[in-house]
């Protein structure tokens, strides 16, 4: 029996305290991906795998980087699952004993009177969801033209026609508002 199917490590419920997800950055695509992960059961399976790893590691625990290596999943997915389970009190983060700059996560039964960090979320800041800014085809062509000129010539000074400079400034202004 694999750890992710072992009922001993199955959470009684999916820890999804961020609008029913494991969290997301304030970008619409991130929110949609987080919702899909929770709805499909992928989040629950990921959390079971993480709890299984922490169960196997015992009092030594594991860092997010170690869990990423063991599961083959990216930082955002592992970090989101760990944060949501930490927020819900399903696991603890030790105050001392960081490994390679990362906090050490342990199951509650392995805390052993060691000091733990209280949950503090940076993601709970009230930021509106915004679409990710994209360059139009013309804007991308303009940026590529300037970039390739600088790369090819090695010039640190680039002379632009006034119309090209205005177009480039308009791109910068639009992206800075996004």
C-alpha atoms as a PDB file:
ATOM      1  CA  UNK A   1       0.000   0.000   0.000  1.00  0.00           C
ATOM      2  CA  UNK A   2       1.398   3.403  -0.918  1.00  0.00           C
ATOM      3  CA  UNK A   3       1.608   6.181   1.635  1.00  0.00           C
ATOM      4  CA  UNK A   4      -0.776   8.461  -0.272  1.00  0.00           C
ATOM      5  CA  UNK A   5      -3.496   5.796  -0.033  1.00  0.00           C
ATOM      6  CA  UNK A   6      -2.786   4.772   3.559  1.00  0.00           C
ATOM      7  CA  UNK A   7      -5.838   5.758   5.651  1.00  0.00           C
ATOM      8  CA  UNK A   8      -3.525   6.410   8.628  1.00  0.00           C
ATOM      9  CA  UNK A   9      -2.245   9.495   6.828  1.00  0.00           C
ATOM     10  CA  UNK A  10      -5.499  10.609   5.232  1.00  0.00           C
ATOM     11  CA  UNK A  11      -6.614  13.980   6.585  1.00  0.00           C
ATOM     12  CA  UNK A  12     -10.166  13.970   7.923  1.00  0.00           C
ATOM     13  CA  UNK A  13     -10.822  16.841   5.544  1.00  0.00           C
ATOM     14  CA  UNK A  14      -8.833  18.695   2.947  1.00  0.00           C
ATOM     15  CA  UNK A  15      -7.110  21.680   4.508  1.00  0.00           C
ATOM     16  CA  UNK A  16      -8.254  24.396   2.132  1.00  0.00           C
ATOM     17  CA  UNK A  17      -8.667  27.587   4.156  1.00  0.00           C
ATOM     18  CA  UNK A  18      -8.035  29.999   1.290  1.00  0.00           C
ATOM     19  CA  UNK A  19     -11.440  30.320  -0.347  1.00  0.00           C
ATOM     20  CA  UNK A  20     -11.655  26.522  -0.524  1.00  0.00           C
ATOM     21  CA  UNK A  21      -8.151  26.132  -1.992  1.00  0.00           C
ATOM     22  CA  UNK A  22      -4.552  25.739  -0.821  1.00  0.00           C
ATOM     23  CA  UNK A  23      -3.952  29.387  -1.663  1.00  0.00           C
ATOM     24  CA  UNK A  24      -3.029  31.430  -4.689  1.00  0.00           C
ATOM     25  CA  UNK A  25      -1.335  34.657  -5.625  1.00  0.00           C
ATOM     26  CA  UNK A  26      -3.626  37.549  -6.590  1.00  0.00           C
ATOM     27  CA  UNK A  27      -3.682  36.628 -10.283  1.00  0.00           C
ATOM     28  CA  UNK A  28      -6.788  35.166 -11.910  1.00  0.00           C
ATOM     29  CA  UNK A  29      -4.973  32.197 -13.496  1.00  0.00           C
ATOM     30  CA  UNK A  30      -3.447  31.238 -10.141  1.00  0.00           C
ATOM     31  CA  UNK A  31      -6.840  31.402  -8.435  1.00  0.00           C
ATOM     32  CA  UNK A  32      -8.459  29.258 -11.136  1.00  0.00           C
ATOM     33  CA  UNK A  33      -5.681  26.636 -10.944  1.00  0.00           C
ATOM     34  CA  UNK A  34      -6.000  26.483  -7.145  1.00  0.00           C
ATOM     35  CA  UNK A  35      -9.767  25.999  -7.373  1.00  0.00           C
ATOM     36  CA  UNK A  36      -9.380  23.243  -9.978  1.00  0.00           C
ATOM     37  CA  UNK A  37      -6.804  21.434  -7.813  1.00  0.00           C
ATOM     38  CA  UNK A  38      -9.165  21.457  -4.828  1.00  0.00           C
ATOM     39  CA  UNK A  39     -12.196  20.382  -6.872  1.00  0.00           C
ATOM     40  CA  UNK A  40     -10.409  17.531  -8.675  1.00  0.00           C
ATOM     41  CA  UNK A  41      -9.037  15.904  -5.528  1.00  0.00           C
ATOM     42  CA  UNK A  42      -5.444  16.671  -6.501  1.00  0.00           C
ATOM     43  CA  UNK A  43      -5.042  18.869  -3.427  1.00  0.00           C
ATOM     44  CA  UNK A  44      -6.260  16.116  -1.086  1.00  0.00           C
ATOM     45  CA  UNK A  45      -3.888  13.581  -2.681  1.00  0.00           C
ATOM     46  CA  UNK A  46      -0.974  16.034  -2.412  1.00  0.00           C
ATOM     47  CA  UNK A  47      -1.753  16.655   1.266  1.00  0.00           C
ATOM     48  CA  UNK A  48      -1.930  12.904   1.965  1.00  0.00           C
ATOM     49  CA  UNK A  49       1.466  12.404   0.304  1.00  0.00           C
ATOM     50  CA  UNK A  50       2.963  15.219   2.376  1.00  0.00           C
ATOM     51  CA  UNK A  51       1.489  13.855   5.611  1.00  0.00           C
ATOM     52  CA  UNK A  52       2.882  10.439   4.678  1.00  0.00           C
ATOM     53  CA  UNK A  53       6.353  11.879   4.140  1.00  0.00           C
ATOM     54  CA  UNK A  54       6.185  13.726   7.463  1.00  0.00           C
ATOM     55  CA  UNK A  55       4.993  10.538   9.171  1.00  0.00           C
ATOM     56  CA  UNK A  56       7.958   8.614   7.776  1.00  0.00           C
ATOM     57  CA  UNK A  57      10.426  11.354   8.758  1.00  0.00           C
ATOM     58  CA  UNK A  58       9.146  11.449  12.350  1.00  0.00           C
ATOM     59  CA  UNK A  59      10.707  14.084  14.659  1.00  0.00           C
ATOM     60  CA  UNK A  60      13.285  14.995  11.987  1.00  0.00           C
ATOM     61  CA  UNK A  61      10.494  16.354   9.768  1.00  0.00           C
ATOM     62  CA  UNK A  62      11.004  17.749   6.289  1.00  0.00           C
ATOM     63  CA  UNK A  63      11.432  21.111   4.594  1.00  0.00           C
ATOM     64  CA  UNK A  64       9.386  22.251   1.621  1.00  0.00           C
ATOM     65  CA  UNK A  65      12.465  21.789  -0.591  1.00  0.00           C
ATOM     66  CA  UNK A  66      12.902  18.194   0.609  1.00  0.00           C
ATOM     67  CA  UNK A  67       9.221  17.472  -0.011  1.00  0.00           C
ATOM     68  CA  UNK A  68       9.473  18.992  -3.493  1.00  0.00           C
ATOM     69  CA  UNK A  69      12.368  16.641  -4.274  1.00  0.00           C
ATOM     70  CA  UNK A  70      10.550  13.599  -2.893  1.00  0.00           C
ATOM     71  CA  UNK A  71       7.245  14.301  -4.665  1.00  0.00           C
ATOM     72  CA  UNK A  72       8.568  15.879  -7.860  1.00  0.00           C
ATOM     73  CA  UNK A  73       6.087  18.733  -7.440  1.00  0.00           C
ATOM     74  CA  UNK A  74       6.887  22.416  -7.789  1.00  0.00           C
ATOM     75  CA  UNK A  75       7.429  24.880  -4.987  1.00  0.00           C
ATOM     76  CA  UNK A  76       4.070  26.639  -5.346  1.00  0.00           C
ATOM     77  CA  UNK A  77       2.035  23.461  -5.017  1.00  0.00           C
ATOM     78  CA  UNK A  78       4.013  22.066  -2.082  1.00  0.00           C
ATOM     79  CA  UNK A  79       4.211  25.407  -0.310  1.00  0.00           C
ATOM     80  CA  UNK A  80       0.484  26.006  -0.765  1.00  0.00           C
ATOM     81  CA  UNK A  81      -0.387  22.577   0.645  1.00  0.00           C
ATOM     82  CA  UNK A  82       1.984  23.015   3.600  1.00  0.00           C
ATOM     83  CA  UNK A  83       0.681  26.502   4.361  1.00  0.00           C
ATOM     84  CA  UNK A  84      -2.946  25.439   4.307  1.00  0.00           C
ATOM     85  CA  UNK A  85      -2.284  22.443   6.563  1.00  0.00           C
ATOM     86  CA  UNK A  86      -0.234  24.647   8.912  1.00  0.00           C
ATOM     87  CA  UNK A  87      -3.025  27.229   9.024  1.00  0.00           C
ATOM     88  CA  UNK A  88      -5.561  24.486   9.834  1.00  0.00           C
ATOM     89  CA  UNK A  89      -3.325  23.049  12.580  1.00  0.00           C
ATOM     90  CA  UNK A  90      -2.695  19.710  10.836  1.00  0.00           C
ATOM     91  CA  UNK A  91       1.094  20.105  11.179  1.00  0.00           C
ATOM     92  CA  UNK A  92       3.645  22.367  12.824  1.00  0.00           C
ATOM     93  CA  UNK A  93       6.685  24.370  11.748  1.00  0.00           C
ATOM     94  CA  UNK A  94       9.591  24.321  14.185  1.00  0.00           C
ATOM     95  CA  UNK A  95      10.970  27.705  15.271  1.00  0.00           C
ATOM     96  CA  UNK A  96      14.522  26.414  15.428  1.00  0.00           C
ATOM     97  CA  UNK A  97      16.497  24.034  13.278  1.00  0.00           C
ATOM     98  CA  UNK A  98      16.074  25.410   9.772  1.00  0.00           C
ATOM     99  CA  UNK A  99      17.742  23.315   7.086  1.00  0.00           C
ATOM    100  CA  UNK A 100      19.260  25.070   4.097  1.00  0.00           C
ATOM    101  CA  UNK A 101      17.290  28.178   5.012  1.00  0.00           C
ATOM    102  CA  UNK A 102      13.940  26.353   5.004  1.00  0.00           C
ATOM    103  CA  UNK A 103      11.581  25.809   7.912  1.00  0.00           C
ATOM    104  CA  UNK A 104      11.139  22.243   9.157  1.00  0.00           C
ATOM    105  CA  UNK A 105       7.593  20.820   9.140  1.00  0.00           C
ATOM    106  CA  UNK A 106       6.599  17.987  11.496  1.00  0.00           C
ATOM    107  CA  UNK A 107       3.399  16.189  12.408  1.00  0.00           C
ATOM    108  CA  UNK A 108       1.894  17.427  15.664  1.00  0.00           C
ATOM    109  CA  UNK A 109       2.795  14.215  17.497  1.00  0.00           C
ATOM    110  CA  UNK A 110       6.485  14.867  16.708  1.00  0.00           C
ATOM    111  CA  UNK A 111       6.694  18.410  18.091  1.00  0.00           C
ATOM    112  CA  UNK A 112       7.948  17.047  21.459  1.00  0.00           C
ATOM    113  CA  UNK A 113       7.721  20.348  23.381  1.00  0.00           C
ATOM    114  CA  UNK A 114       9.903  22.144  20.826  1.00  0.00           C
ATOM    115  CA  UNK A 115       8.858  25.742  20.097  1.00  0.00           C
ATOM    116  CA  UNK A 116       6.764  26.111  16.941  1.00  0.00           C
ATOM    117  CA  UNK A 117       5.965  29.052  14.701  1.00  0.00           C
ATOM    118  CA  UNK A 118       2.488  30.509  14.743  1.00  0.00           C
ATOM    119  CA  UNK A 119       0.848  30.678  11.347  1.00  0.00           C
ATOM    120  CA  UNK A 120       1.269  34.071   9.673  1.00  0.00           C
ATOM    121  CA  UNK A 121       0.020  34.461   6.126  1.00  0.00           C
ATOM    122  CA  UNK A 122       1.464  36.925   3.654  1.00  0.00           C
ATOM    123  CA  UNK A 123      -1.188  35.851   1.154  1.00  0.00           C
ATOM    124  CA  UNK A 124      -4.046  37.219   3.245  1.00  0.00           C
ATOM    125  CA  UNK A 125      -3.218  40.808   2.318  1.00  0.00           C
ATOM    126  CA  UNK A 126      -6.223  42.368   0.634  1.00  0.00           C
ATOM    127  CA  UNK A 127      -5.063  42.581  -2.959  1.00  0.00           C
ATOM    128  CA  UNK A 128      -7.502  42.646  -5.863  1.00  0.00           C
ATOM    129  CA  UNK A 129      -7.224  39.890  -8.434  1.00  0.00           C
ATOM    130  CA  UNK A 130      -5.761  41.207 -11.651  1.00  0.00           C
ATOM    131  CA  UNK A 131      -5.104  39.647 -15.028  1.00  0.00           C
ATOM    132  CA  UNK A 132      -1.443  39.061 -15.816  1.00  0.00           C
ATOM    133  CA  UNK A 133      -0.140  41.765 -18.161  1.00  0.00           C
ATOM    134  CA  UNK A 134       0.830  40.531 -21.618  1.00  0.00           C
ATOM    135  CA  UNK A 135       2.568  42.212 -24.501  1.00  0.00           C
ATOM    136  CA  UNK A 136       0.631  42.511 -27.723  1.00  0.00           C
ATOM    137  CA  UNK A 137       2.278  41.088 -30.845  1.00  0.00           C
ATOM    138  CA  UNK A 138       3.349  44.577 -31.951  1.00  0.00           C
ATOM    139  CA  UNK A 139       4.743  45.409 -28.504  1.00  0.00           C
ATOM    140  CA  UNK A 140       6.675  42.134 -28.364  1.00  0.00           C
ATOM    141  CA  UNK A 141       8.109  42.846 -31.824  1.00  0.00           C
ATOM    142  CA  UNK A 142       9.203  46.321 -30.709  1.00  0.00           C
ATOM    143  CA  UNK A 143      10.894  45.002 -27.572  1.00  0.00           C
ATOM    144  CA  UNK A 144      12.594  42.209 -29.549  1.00  0.00           C
ATOM    145  CA  UNK A 145      13.845  44.698 -32.137  1.00  0.00           C
ATOM    146  CA  UNK A 146      15.451  46.902 -29.487  1.00  0.00           C
ATOM    147  CA  UNK A 147      16.815  43.949 -27.509  1.00  0.00           C
ATOM    148  CA  UNK A 148      18.393  42.319 -30.574  1.00  0.00           C
ATOM    149  CA  UNK A 149      19.977  45.657 -31.633  1.00  0.00           C
ATOM    150  CA  UNK A 150      21.536  46.126 -28.200  1.00  0.00           C
ATOM    151  CA  UNK A 151      22.742  42.496 -28.097  1.00  0.00           C
ATOM    152  CA  UNK A 152      24.190  42.618 -31.627  1.00  0.00           C
ATOM    153  CA  UNK A 153      25.889  45.992 -31.419  1.00  0.00           C
ATOM    154  CA  UNK A 154      26.877  46.048 -27.776  1.00  0.00           C
ATOM    155  CA  UNK A 155      25.820  49.701 -27.718  1.00  0.00           C
ATOM    156  CA  UNK A 156      24.736  51.100 -24.397  1.00  0.00           C
ATOM    157  CA  UNK A 157      23.064  54.007 -26.164  1.00  0.00           C
ATOM    158  CA  UNK A 158      20.204  53.249 -28.533  1.00  0.00           C
ATOM    159  CA  UNK A 159      18.847  55.944 -30.837  1.00  0.00           C
ATOM    160  CA  UNK A 160      15.109  55.640 -31.444  1.00  0.00           C
ATOM    161  CA  UNK A 161      12.787  57.531 -33.734  1.00  0.00           C
ATOM    162  CA  UNK A 162      10.387  59.689 -31.687  1.00  0.00           C
ATOM    163  CA  UNK A 163       7.459  57.467 -32.735  1.00  0.00           C
ATOM    164  CA  UNK A 164       9.309  54.315 -31.567  1.00  0.00           C
ATOM    165  CA  UNK A 165      10.252  55.948 -28.263  1.00  0.00           C
ATOM    166  CA  UNK A 166       6.609  56.973 -27.696  1.00  0.00           C
ATOM    167  CA  UNK A 167       5.420  53.442 -28.471  1.00  0.00           C
ATOM    168  CA  UNK A 168       7.962  51.947 -26.063  1.00  0.00           C
ATOM    169  CA  UNK A 169       6.994  54.408 -23.312  1.00  0.00           C
ATOM    170  CA  UNK A 170       3.328  53.541 -23.863  1.00  0.00           C
ATOM    171  CA  UNK A 171       4.160  49.839 -23.368  1.00  0.00           C
ATOM    172  CA  UNK A 172       6.057  50.576 -20.147  1.00  0.00           C
ATOM    173  CA  UNK A 173       3.238  52.777 -18.867  1.00  0.00           C
ATOM    174  CA  UNK A 174       0.576  50.154 -19.632  1.00  0.00           C
ATOM    175  CA  UNK A 175       2.532  47.353 -17.980  1.00  0.00           C
ATOM    176  CA  UNK A 176       3.276  49.437 -14.881  1.00  0.00           C
ATOM    177  CA  UNK A 177      -0.472  49.956 -14.326  1.00  0.00           C
ATOM    178  CA  UNK A 178      -1.289  46.236 -14.722  1.00  0.00           C
END
